[in-house]
Amino acid sequence: MKKGLRIALLLILIIALSGCAPANQQEDSPQISVYYAYTNDRNDTGLSVGSERRSVDSGTDILKAAVEAVMGKPQNFKLASPFTEGVKLESYKLEKGTLSLYMSDKYAEMPAGNKIIARSCLALTLCAVEGVENISVFVGDIPDVTGLTAEKIISENSDLNPYEKRLKLYFSNGKGLVPEYRNVTVNEDRELAASVMEELLKGPRGAGLSSVMPAGTRLLSINVENGLCTVNLSSEFLENRPDNESAEALTIYSIVNSLTTLTKISKVQFLINDERVDTYLSIGIFYPIEGKEIPG
């Protein structure tokens, strides 16, 4: 997305939330802007939000219509629901400007990146309804987010831009893995997952952190499909692997934990020179691996 288009998107969001209606909108035919996830059909350049206008029958409860629309499916084929399969809204209530939304248990299982987009769609859609100042999202009695406003989503719109992303990378602090954040620009020739690996191989910038990548390791290729990221590394990754299990875990999960912070990745498959290997040192890497917390 070019800079001009990003600015245009931001302006559209501001206009939509300002309460200004199109000149040809008739009073007896209310309209709402409903926000959904937008994908540009390229693997792992991330997701952004887009909106479509919906007409609401006169006399209809606008809040109910907006809630049902944002939890449903878009009419525009370029947009998609931000919620993963099985996520439902159990109930909602509006009190003193705060709209509380109670989600099904499946919501808690959504990847972090998906949740960011889902919250944004909910806030941008529902905070435009009269009487709604902010939203709070719960799973049971457990809050996912509270007091989220549309204005905050707008001010952080760069995080929704599929070309400018804030990566969460995991490096060693000598005891475990801790995150370091880094902004990168992703364009048509550079996928987000590849950016994660490139930044990991460059090493940390923060004091007290160190890289756990074996010397000489190179990224040969990377692919993302159906939630699985296949990382093909050079032979140095295996030949220069750590010689103890604690260091081995830091190396493996520095990669896995960093990649699985991305919206479209839930597991990582390791390849060494295009081939699967049974074990690294003691950790089995023949099959895909999920993230695992290594406290620092």
C-alpha atoms as a PDB file:
ATOM      1  CA  MET A   1       0.000   0.000   0.000  1.00  0.00           C
ATOM      2  CA  LYS A   2       1.428   3.345  -1.007  1.00  0.00           C
ATOM      3  CA  LYS A   3       1.789   6.127   1.521  1.00  0.00           C
ATOM      4  CA  GLY A   4      -1.017   8.118  -0.086  1.00  0.00           C
ATOM      5  CA  LEU A   5      -3.405   5.194   0.237  1.00  0.00           C
ATOM      6  CA  ARG A   6      -2.479   4.720   3.893  1.00  0.00           C
ATOM      7  CA  ILE A   7      -3.246   8.363   4.569  1.00  0.00           C
ATOM      8  CA  ALA A   8      -6.510   8.004   2.681  1.00  0.00           C
ATOM      9  CA  LEU A   9      -7.480   5.038   4.851  1.00  0.00           C
ATOM     10  CA  LEU A  10      -6.782   7.033   7.986  1.00  0.00           C
ATOM     11  CA  LEU A  11      -8.891   9.919   6.700  1.00  0.00           C
ATOM     12  CA  ILE A  12     -11.728   7.545   5.884  1.00  0.00           C
ATOM     13  CA  LEU A  13     -11.632   6.195   9.420  1.00  0.00           C
ATOM     14  CA  ILE A  14     -11.709   9.687  10.906  1.00  0.00           C
ATOM     15  CA  ILE A  15     -14.618  10.746   8.711  1.00  0.00           C
ATOM     16  CA  ALA A  16     -16.541   7.574   9.533  1.00  0.00           C
ATOM     17  CA  LEU A  17     -16.172   8.235  13.235  1.00  0.00           C
ATOM     18  CA  SER A  18     -16.922  11.938  13.102  1.00  0.00           C
ATOM     19  CA  GLY A  19     -20.632  11.315  12.601  1.00  0.00           C
ATOM     20  CA  CYS A  20     -20.650  12.972   9.181  1.00  0.00           C
ATOM     21  CA  ALA A  21     -23.046  11.234   6.812  1.00  0.00           C
ATOM     22  CA  PRO A  22     -22.910  11.205   3.009  1.00  0.00           C
ATOM     23  CA  ALA A  23     -24.910  13.989   1.383  1.00  0.00           C
ATOM     24  CA  ASN A  24     -27.272  11.562  -0.298  1.00  0.00           C
ATOM     25  CA  GLN A  25     -28.027   9.543   2.826  1.00  0.00           C
ATOM     26  CA  GLN A  26     -31.711   9.775   3.680  1.00  0.00           C
ATOM     27  CA  GLU A  27     -32.895  10.164   7.248  1.00  0.00           C
ATOM     28  CA  ASP A  28     -35.362   7.294   6.927  1.00  0.00           C
ATOM     29  CA  SER A  29     -32.611   4.896   5.805  1.00  0.00           C
ATOM     30  CA  PRO A  30     -29.835   4.856   8.429  1.00  0.00           C
ATOM     31  CA  GLN A  31     -26.425   3.500   7.443  1.00  0.00           C
ATOM     32  CA  ILE A  32     -23.574   2.104   9.449  1.00  0.00           C
ATOM     33  CA  SER A  33     -19.917   1.476   8.622  1.00  0.00           C
ATOM     34  CA  VAL A  34     -18.908  -2.067   9.462  1.00  0.00           C
ATOM     35  CA  TYR A  35     -15.236  -2.966   9.731  1.00  0.00           C
ATOM     36  CA  TYR A  36     -13.698  -6.297   8.799  1.00  0.00           C
ATOM     37  CA  ALA A  37     -10.270  -7.750   8.198  1.00  0.00           C
ATOM     38  CA  TYR A  38      -8.737  -7.026   4.830  1.00  0.00           C
ATOM     39  CA  THR A  39      -6.189  -9.248   3.131  1.00  0.00           C
ATOM     40  CA  ASN A  40      -4.221  -8.414   0.005  1.00  0.00           C
ATOM     41  CA  ASP A  41      -3.793 -12.094  -0.913  1.00  0.00           C
ATOM     42  CA  ARG A  42      -0.052 -12.181  -0.296  1.00  0.00           C
ATOM     43  CA  ASN A  43       1.245 -14.556   2.353  1.00  0.00           C
ATOM     44  CA  ASP A  44       2.146 -12.888   5.618  1.00  0.00           C
ATOM     45  CA  THR A  45       2.109  -9.244   4.776  1.00  0.00           C
ATOM     46  CA  GLY A  46      -0.335  -9.057   7.651  1.00  0.00           C
ATOM     47  CA  LEU A  47      -3.879  -7.847   7.895  1.00  0.00           C
ATOM     48  CA  SER A  48      -5.453  -4.412   7.929  1.00  0.00           C
ATOM     49  CA  VAL A  49      -9.037  -3.257   8.316  1.00  0.00           C
ATOM     50  CA  GLY A  50     -11.487  -2.063   5.715  1.00  0.00           C
ATOM     51  CA  SER A  51     -15.128  -1.076   5.925  1.00  0.00           C
ATOM     52  CA  GLU A  52     -18.345  -1.407   4.014  1.00  0.00           C
ATOM     53  CA  ARG A  53     -21.552   0.576   4.353  1.00  0.00           C
ATOM     54  CA  ARG A  54     -24.727  -1.198   5.419  1.00  0.00           C
ATOM     55  CA  SER A  55     -28.242   0.184   5.246  1.00  0.00           C
ATOM     56  CA  VAL A  56     -30.415  -0.368   8.305  1.00  0.00           C
ATOM     57  CA  ASP A  57     -34.202  -0.505   8.152  1.00  0.00           C
ATOM     58  CA  SER A  58     -35.982   2.385   9.851  1.00  0.00           C
ATOM     59  CA  GLY A  59     -36.956   1.560  13.407  1.00  0.00           C
ATOM     60  CA  THR A  60     -34.269  -1.102  13.739  1.00  0.00           C
ATOM     61  CA  ASP A  61     -32.067  -1.121  16.840  1.00  0.00           C
ATOM     62  CA  ILE A  62     -28.856   0.355  15.394  1.00  0.00           C
ATOM     63  CA  LEU A  63     -26.613  -1.148  18.056  1.00  0.00           C
ATOM     64  CA  LYS A  64     -28.052  -4.606  17.534  1.00  0.00           C
ATOM     65  CA  ALA A  65     -27.667  -4.272  13.770  1.00  0.00           C
ATOM     66  CA  ALA A  66     -24.044  -3.124  14.138  1.00  0.00           C
ATOM     67  CA  VAL A  67     -23.197  -5.950  16.539  1.00  0.00           C
ATOM     68  CA  GLU A  68     -24.737  -8.587  14.290  1.00  0.00           C
ATOM     69  CA  ALA A  69     -22.994  -7.147  11.229  1.00  0.00           C
ATOM     70  CA  VAL A  70     -19.484  -6.987  12.694  1.00  0.00           C
ATOM     71  CA  MET A  71     -19.817 -10.504  14.096  1.00  0.00           C
ATOM     72  CA  GLY A  72     -21.103 -11.747  10.761  1.00  0.00           C
ATOM     73  CA  LYS A  73     -19.694 -11.985   7.261  1.00  0.00           C
ATOM     74  CA  PRO A  74     -18.896  -9.060   4.946  1.00  0.00           C
ATOM     75  CA  GLN A  75     -20.584  -8.566   1.608  1.00  0.00           C
ATOM     76  CA  ASN A  76     -17.381  -7.309  -0.037  1.00  0.00           C
ATOM     77  CA  PHE A  77     -15.305 -10.264  -1.238  1.00  0.00           C
ATOM     78  CA  LYS A  78     -12.083  -8.374  -0.455  1.00  0.00           C
ATOM     79  CA  LEU A  79     -12.961  -8.371   3.232  1.00  0.00           C
ATOM     80  CA  ALA A  80     -13.192 -11.214   5.728  1.00  0.00           C
ATOM     81  CA  SER A  81     -14.375 -11.736   9.283  1.00  0.00           C
ATOM     82  CA  PRO A  82     -11.551 -11.021  11.756  1.00  0.00           C
ATOM     83  CA  PHE A  83     -12.747 -13.880  13.960  1.00  0.00           C
ATOM     84  CA  THR A  84     -11.475 -17.424  13.611  1.00  0.00           C
ATOM     85  CA  GLU A  85     -13.929 -20.269  13.117  1.00  0.00           C
ATOM     86  CA  GLY A  86     -16.157 -21.036  16.077  1.00  0.00           C
ATOM     87  CA  VAL A  87     -15.887 -17.639  17.791  1.00  0.00           C
ATOM     88  CA  LYS A  88     -19.305 -16.337  18.851  1.00  0.00           C
ATOM     89  CA  LEU A  89     -20.670 -13.392  20.785  1.00  0.00           C
ATOM     90  CA  GLU A  90     -22.582 -14.800  23.751  1.00  0.00           C
ATOM     91  CA  SER A  91     -24.087 -11.512  24.949  1.00  0.00           C
ATOM     92  CA  TYR A  92     -23.513  -7.783  25.268  1.00  0.00           C
ATOM     93  CA  LYS A  93     -24.670  -4.864  27.380  1.00  0.00           C
ATOM     94  CA  LEU A  94     -24.313  -1.081  27.240  1.00  0.00           C
ATOM     95  CA  GLU A  95     -23.863   0.822  30.492  1.00  0.00           C
ATOM     96  CA  LYS A  96     -22.747   4.448  30.868  1.00  0.00           C
ATOM     97  CA  GLY A  97     -21.110   4.550  27.456  1.00  0.00           C
ATOM     98  CA  THR A  98     -19.214   1.263  27.842  1.00  0.00           C
ATOM     99  CA  LEU A  99     -20.302  -1.597  25.618  1.00  0.00           C
ATOM    100  CA  SER A 100     -19.297  -4.907  27.192  1.00  0.00           C
ATOM    101  CA  LEU A 101     -19.013  -7.828  24.790  1.00  0.00           C
ATOM    102  CA  TYR A 102     -18.929 -11.387  26.135  1.00  0.00           C
ATOM    103  CA  MET A 103     -17.222 -13.799  23.741  1.00  0.00           C
ATOM    104  CA  SER A 104     -17.250 -17.587  23.605  1.00  0.00           C
ATOM    105  CA  ASP A 105     -14.251 -19.581  24.834  1.00  0.00           C
ATOM    106  CA  LYS A 106     -12.963 -19.943  21.261  1.00  0.00           C
ATOM    107  CA  TYR A 107     -12.085 -16.248  21.275  1.00  0.00           C
ATOM    108  CA  ALA A 108      -9.357 -16.899  23.873  1.00  0.00           C
ATOM    109  CA  GLU A 109      -7.717 -19.370  21.475  1.00  0.00           C
ATOM    110  CA  MET A 110      -7.308 -16.827  18.696  1.00  0.00           C
ATOM    111  CA  PRO A 111      -3.703 -15.842  17.830  1.00  0.00           C
ATOM    112  CA  ALA A 112      -2.640 -12.497  19.283  1.00  0.00           C
ATOM    113  CA  GLY A 113      -2.472 -10.842  15.867  1.00  0.00           C
ATOM    114  CA  ASN A 114      -6.017 -11.879  15.030  1.00  0.00           C
ATOM    115  CA  LYS A 115      -7.229 -10.450  18.307  1.00  0.00           C
ATOM    116  CA  ILE A 116      -5.678  -7.067  17.519  1.00  0.00           C
ATOM    117  CA  ILE A 117      -7.564  -6.928  14.239  1.00  0.00           C
ATOM    118  CA  ALA A 118     -10.787  -8.203  15.830  1.00  0.00           C
ATOM    119  CA  ARG A 119     -10.663  -5.599  18.592  1.00  0.00           C
ATOM    120  CA  SER A 120     -10.047  -2.896  16.000  1.00  0.00           C
ATOM    121  CA  CYS A 121     -13.042  -3.970  13.920  1.00  0.00           C
ATOM    122  CA  LEU A 122     -15.253  -4.061  16.998  1.00  0.00           C
ATOM    123  CA  ALA A 123     -14.145  -0.645  18.259  1.00  0.00           C
ATOM    124  CA  LEU A 124     -14.309   1.109  14.891  1.00  0.00           C
ATOM    125  CA  THR A 125     -17.754  -0.305  14.127  1.00  0.00           C
ATOM    126  CA  LEU A 126     -19.454  -0.081  17.498  1.00  0.00           C
ATOM    127  CA  CYS A 127     -18.014   3.163  18.864  1.00  0.00           C
ATOM    128  CA  ALA A 128     -19.645   4.927  15.917  1.00  0.00           C
ATOM    129  CA  VAL A 129     -23.068   3.949  17.302  1.00  0.00           C
ATOM    130  CA  GLU A 130     -24.742   6.649  19.350  1.00  0.00           C
ATOM    131  CA  GLY A 131     -24.251   6.106  23.071  1.00  0.00           C
ATOM    132  CA  VAL A 132     -21.183   3.876  22.731  1.00  0.00           C
ATOM    133  CA  GLU A 133     -18.013   5.611  23.904  1.00  0.00           C
ATOM    134  CA  ASN A 134     -15.761   2.590  24.344  1.00  0.00           C
ATOM    135  CA  ILE A 135     -15.837  -1.194  24.313  1.00  0.00           C
ATOM    136  CA  SER A 136     -14.655  -3.913  26.658  1.00  0.00           C
ATOM    137  CA  VAL A 137     -14.249  -7.536  25.579  1.00  0.00           C
ATOM    138  CA  PHE A 138     -14.559 -10.472  27.959  1.00  0.00           C
ATOM    139  CA  VAL A 139     -14.281 -14.245  27.817  1.00  0.00           C
ATOM    140  CA  GLY A 140     -16.512 -15.269  30.685  1.00  0.00           C
ATOM    141  CA  ASP A 141     -15.549 -12.880  33.484  1.00  0.00           C
ATOM    142  CA  ILE A 142     -11.977 -12.523  32.234  1.00  0.00           C
ATOM    143  CA  PRO A 143     -11.276  -9.227  30.427  1.00  0.00           C
ATOM    144  CA  ASP A 144      -9.438  -9.317  27.118  1.00  0.00           C
ATOM    145  CA  VAL A 145      -9.448  -5.538  26.687  1.00  0.00           C
ATOM    146  CA  THR A 146     -11.246  -2.745  28.538  1.00  0.00           C
ATOM    147  CA  GLY A 147     -12.096   0.834  27.655  1.00  0.00           C
ATOM    148  CA  LEU A 148     -10.967   0.573  24.039  1.00  0.00           C
ATOM    149  CA  THR A 149     -11.962   3.608  21.955  1.00  0.00           C
ATOM    150  CA  ALA A 150     -12.108   4.185  18.228  1.00  0.00           C
ATOM    151  CA  GLU A 151      -9.769   7.149  18.612  1.00  0.00           C
ATOM    152  CA  LYS A 152      -7.080   4.879  20.028  1.00  0.00           C
ATOM    153  CA  ILE A 153      -7.411   2.562  17.046  1.00  0.00           C
ATOM    154  CA  ILE A 154      -7.005   5.512  14.684  1.00  0.00           C
ATOM    155  CA  SER A 155      -3.945   6.840  16.502  1.00  0.00           C
ATOM    156  CA  GLU A 156      -2.355   3.386  16.299  1.00  0.00           C
ATOM    157  CA  ASN A 157      -3.435   2.830  12.706  1.00  0.00           C
ATOM    158  CA  SER A 158       0.144   2.174  11.616  1.00  0.00           C
ATOM    159  CA  ASP A 159      -0.044  -1.143  13.510  1.00  0.00           C
ATOM    160  CA  LEU A 160      -2.863  -2.180  11.170  1.00  0.00           C
ATOM    161  CA  ASN A 161      -0.905  -1.271   8.056  1.00  0.00           C
ATOM    162  CA  PRO A 162       0.186  -4.448   6.267  1.00  0.00           C
ATOM    163  CA  TYR A 163       3.370  -2.763   5.023  1.00  0.00           C
ATOM    164  CA  GLU A 164       4.663  -1.281   8.248  1.00  0.00           C
ATOM    165  CA  LYS A 165       4.817  -3.828  11.042  1.00  0.00           C
ATOM    166  CA  ARG A 166       6.139  -3.979  14.574  1.00  0.00           C
ATOM    167  CA  LEU A 167       7.897  -7.310  15.084  1.00  0.00           C
ATOM    168  CA  LYS A 168       8.188  -9.074  18.412  1.00  0.00           C
ATOM    169  CA  LEU A 169      11.492 -10.930  18.414  1.00  0.00           C
ATOM    170  CA  TYR A 170      12.792 -13.228  21.151  1.00  0.00           C
ATOM    171  CA  PHE A 171      16.430 -13.127  22.235  1.00  0.00           C
ATOM    172  CA  SER A 172      18.320 -14.550  25.194  1.00  0.00           C
ATOM    173  CA  ASN A 173      19.048 -12.598  28.371  1.00  0.00           C
ATOM    174  CA  GLY A 174      21.268 -15.387  29.624  1.00  0.00           C
ATOM    175  CA  LYS A 175      18.493 -17.174  31.502  1.00  0.00           C
ATOM    176  CA  GLY A 176      15.558 -17.357  29.106  1.00  0.00           C
ATOM    177  CA  LEU A 177      13.910 -15.553  26.218  1.00  0.00           C
ATOM    178  CA  VAL A 178      12.669 -11.976  26.378  1.00  0.00           C
ATOM    179  CA  PRO A 179      11.037  -9.921  23.620  1.00  0.00           C
ATOM    180  CA  GLU A 180      12.624  -7.077  21.709  1.00  0.00           C
ATOM    181  CA  TYR A 181      10.456  -4.986  19.396  1.00  0.00           C
ATOM    182  CA  ARG A 182      11.520  -3.778  15.970  1.00  0.00           C
ATOM    183  CA  ASN A 183       9.743  -1.885  13.191  1.00  0.00           C
ATOM    184  CA  VAL A 184      10.173  -3.079   9.618  1.00  0.00           C
ATOM    185  CA  THR A 185       8.700  -2.155   6.269  1.00  0.00           C
ATOM    186  CA  VAL A 186       7.314  -5.034   4.230  1.00  0.00           C
ATOM    187  CA  ASN A 187       6.679  -4.602   0.508  1.00  0.00           C
ATOM    188  CA  GLU A 188       5.717  -6.851  -2.369  1.00  0.00           C
ATOM    189  CA  ASP A 189       9.134  -8.500  -2.490  1.00  0.00           C
ATOM    190  CA  ARG A 190       9.623  -9.120   1.183  1.00  0.00           C
ATOM    191  CA  GLU A 191       7.344 -11.274   3.268  1.00  0.00           C
ATOM    192  CA  LEU A 192       6.789 -10.674   6.929  1.00  0.00           C
ATOM    193  CA  ALA A 193       7.965 -14.117   8.074  1.00  0.00           C
ATOM    194  CA  ALA A 194      11.222 -13.658   6.171  1.00  0.00           C
ATOM    195  CA  SER A 195      11.658 -10.304   7.901  1.00  0.00           C
ATOM    196  CA  VAL A 196      11.358 -11.998  11.288  1.00  0.00           C
ATOM    197  CA  MET A 197      14.092 -14.482  10.426  1.00  0.00           C
ATOM    198  CA  GLU A 198      16.339 -11.829   8.926  1.00  0.00           C
ATOM    199  CA  GLU A 199      16.069  -9.705  12.054  1.00  0.00           C
ATOM    200  CA  LEU A 200      16.723 -12.712  14.314  1.00  0.00           C
ATOM    201  CA  LEU A 201      19.864 -13.507  12.347  1.00  0.00           C
ATOM    202  CA  LYS A 202      21.046  -9.895  12.711  1.00  0.00           C
ATOM    203  CA  GLY A 203      20.844 -10.265  16.467  1.00  0.00           C
ATOM    204  CA  PRO A 204      19.485  -8.038  19.244  1.00  0.00           C
ATOM    205  CA  ARG A 205      20.001  -4.322  19.664  1.00  0.00           C
ATOM    206  CA  GLY A 206      19.258  -4.053  23.366  1.00  0.00           C
ATOM    207  CA  ALA A 207      21.878  -4.207  26.095  1.00  0.00           C
ATOM    208  CA  GLY A 208      22.012  -7.460  28.000  1.00  0.00           C
ATOM    209  CA  LEU A 209      20.560  -9.517  25.153  1.00  0.00           C
ATOM    210  CA  SER A 210      22.350 -11.975  22.913  1.00  0.00           C
ATOM    211  CA  SER A 211      21.632 -13.929  19.769  1.00  0.00           C
ATOM    212  CA  VAL A 212      21.204 -17.678  20.043  1.00  0.00           C
ATOM    213  CA  MET A 213      21.580 -18.372  16.326  1.00  0.00           C
ATOM    214  CA  PRO A 214      24.428 -20.812  15.532  1.00  0.00           C
ATOM    215  CA  ALA A 215      27.337 -19.162  13.738  1.00  0.00           C
ATOM    216  CA  GLY A 216      27.034 -19.019   9.964  1.00  0.00           C
ATOM    217  CA  THR A 217      23.313 -19.845   9.869  1.00  0.00           C
ATOM    218  CA  ARG A 218      21.600 -18.583   6.726  1.00  0.00           C
ATOM    219  CA  LEU A 219      17.943 -18.517   5.731  1.00  0.00           C
ATOM    220  CA  LEU A 220      17.582 -20.497   2.510  1.00  0.00           C
ATOM    221  CA  SER A 221      13.824 -20.181   2.103  1.00  0.00           C
ATOM    222  CA  ILE A 222      10.637 -19.702   4.052  1.00  0.00           C
ATOM    223  CA  ASN A 223       7.006 -20.506   3.308  1.00  0.00           C
ATOM    224  CA  VAL A 224       3.713 -19.992   5.118  1.00  0.00           C
ATOM    225  CA  GLU A 225       0.600 -22.015   4.382  1.00  0.00           C
ATOM    226  CA  ASN A 226      -2.449 -22.895   6.479  1.00  0.00           C
ATOM    227  CA  GLY A 227      -0.873 -21.692   9.703  1.00  0.00           C
ATOM    228  CA  LEU A 228       2.386 -23.595   9.175  1.00  0.00           C
ATOM    229  CA  CYS A 229       5.656 -21.739   8.622  1.00  0.00           C
ATOM    230  CA  THR A 230       8.359 -23.878   7.018  1.00  0.00           C
ATOM    231  CA  VAL A 231      11.823 -22.474   7.710  1.00  0.00           C
ATOM    232  CA  ASN A 232      14.644 -23.844   5.568  1.00  0.00           C
ATOM    233  CA  LEU A 233      18.036 -23.114   7.155  1.00  0.00           C
ATOM    234  CA  SER A 234      21.595 -23.767   6.035  1.00  0.00           C
ATOM    235  CA  SER A 235      23.651 -26.675   7.386  1.00  0.00           C
ATOM    236  CA  GLU A 236      25.451 -24.382   9.858  1.00  0.00           C
ATOM    237  CA  PHE A 237      22.281 -24.270  11.944  1.00  0.00           C
ATOM    238  CA  LEU A 238      22.766 -27.988  12.670  1.00  0.00           C
ATOM    239  CA  GLU A 239      26.559 -28.217  12.526  1.00  0.00           C
ATOM    240  CA  ASN A 240      27.091 -25.366  15.008  1.00  0.00           C
ATOM    241  CA  ARG A 241      24.169 -26.175  17.277  1.00  0.00           C
ATOM    242  CA  PRO A 242      24.462 -25.666  21.047  1.00  0.00           C
ATOM    243  CA  ASP A 243      26.037 -28.434  23.114  1.00  0.00           C
ATOM    244  CA  ASN A 244      23.565 -28.393  26.009  1.00  0.00           C
ATOM    245  CA  GLU A 245      19.815 -28.707  26.312  1.00  0.00           C
ATOM    246  CA  SER A 246      19.213 -25.305  27.919  1.00  0.00           C
ATOM    247  CA  ALA A 247      20.958 -23.440  25.106  1.00  0.00           C
ATOM    248  CA  GLU A 248      19.267 -25.701  22.554  1.00  0.00           C
ATOM    249  CA  ALA A 249      15.827 -24.672  23.832  1.00  0.00           C
ATOM    250  CA  LEU A 250      16.766 -20.996  23.561  1.00  0.00           C
ATOM    251  CA  THR A 251      17.795 -21.443  19.927  1.00  0.00           C
ATOM    252  CA  ILE A 252      14.726 -23.401  18.836  1.00  0.00           C
ATOM    253  CA  TYR A 253      12.164 -21.295  20.675  1.00  0.00           C
ATOM    254  CA  SER A 254      13.776 -17.982  19.773  1.00  0.00           C
ATOM    255  CA  ILE A 255      12.711 -18.834  16.224  1.00  0.00           C
ATOM    256  CA  VAL A 256       9.399 -20.553  16.986  1.00  0.00           C
ATOM    257  CA  ASN A 257       8.170 -17.964  19.488  1.00  0.00           C
ATOM    258  CA  SER A 258       9.110 -15.047  17.221  1.00  0.00           C
ATOM    259  CA  LEU A 259       7.384 -16.509  14.159  1.00  0.00           C
ATOM    260  CA  THR A 260       4.219 -17.569  15.981  1.00  0.00           C
ATOM    261  CA  THR A 261       3.573 -13.992  17.091  1.00  0.00           C
ATOM    262  CA  LEU A 262       2.538 -13.393  13.476  1.00  0.00           C
ATOM    263  CA  THR A 263      -1.162 -13.596  12.713  1.00  0.00           C
ATOM    264  CA  LYS A 264      -1.005 -16.403  10.186  1.00  0.00           C
ATOM    265  CA  ILE A 265       1.492 -18.697  11.929  1.00  0.00           C
ATOM    266  CA  SER A 266       0.659 -21.219  14.647  1.00  0.00           C
ATOM    267  CA  LYS A 267       3.445 -23.798  14.124  1.00  0.00           C
ATOM    268  CA  VAL A 268       6.972 -23.928  12.675  1.00  0.00           C
ATOM    269  CA  GLN A 269       8.517 -26.731  10.618  1.00  0.00           C
ATOM    270  CA  PHE A 270      12.319 -26.812  10.465  1.00  0.00           C
ATOM    271  CA  LEU A 271      14.214 -27.923   7.378  1.00  0.00           C
ATOM    272  CA  ILE A 272      18.007 -28.158   7.101  1.00  0.00           C
ATOM    273  CA  ASN A 273      19.125 -27.836   3.478  1.00  0.00           C
ATOM    274  CA  ASP A 274      15.612 -28.790   2.308  1.00  0.00           C
ATOM    275  CA  GLU A 275      15.448 -31.902   4.504  1.00  0.00           C
ATOM    276  CA  ARG A 276      13.723 -32.709   7.777  1.00  0.00           C
ATOM    277  CA  VAL A 277      15.899 -33.808  10.703  1.00  0.00           C
ATOM    278  CA  ASP A 278      14.748 -36.039  13.563  1.00  0.00           C
ATOM    279  CA  THR A 279      16.245 -34.075  16.446  1.00  0.00           C
ATOM    280  CA  TYR A 280      18.269 -30.924  16.937  1.00  0.00           C
ATOM    281  CA  LEU A 281      20.227 -31.908  20.049  1.00  0.00           C
ATOM    282  CA  SER A 282      17.471 -33.407  22.186  1.00  0.00           C
ATOM    283  CA  ILE A 283      14.406 -31.541  20.896  1.00  0.00           C
ATOM    284  CA  GLY A 284      12.509 -33.332  18.152  1.00  0.00           C
ATOM    285  CA  ILE A 285      12.188 -31.111  15.076  1.00  0.00           C
ATOM    286  CA  PHE A 286      10.951 -33.640  12.532  1.00  0.00           C
ATOM    287  CA  TYR A 287       7.368 -32.482  13.073  1.00  0.00           C
ATOM    288  CA  PRO A 288       6.002 -28.909  13.382  1.00  0.00           C
ATOM    289  CA  ILE A 289       6.623 -27.149  16.705  1.00  0.00           C
ATOM    290  CA  GLU A 290       4.370 -24.772  18.637  1.00  0.00           C
ATOM    291  CA  GLY A 291       5.581 -21.872  20.742  1.00  0.00           C
ATOM    292  CA  LYS A 292       6.701 -22.416  24.317  1.00  0.00           C
ATOM    293  CA  GLU A 293       7.479 -19.895  27.020  1.00  0.00           C
ATOM    294  CA  ILE A 294      11.123 -19.860  28.154  1.00  0.00           C
ATOM    295  CA  PRO A 295      11.051 -17.468  31.142  1.00  0.00           C
ATOM    296  CA  GLY A 296      13.920 -15.021  31.415  1.00  0.00           C
END
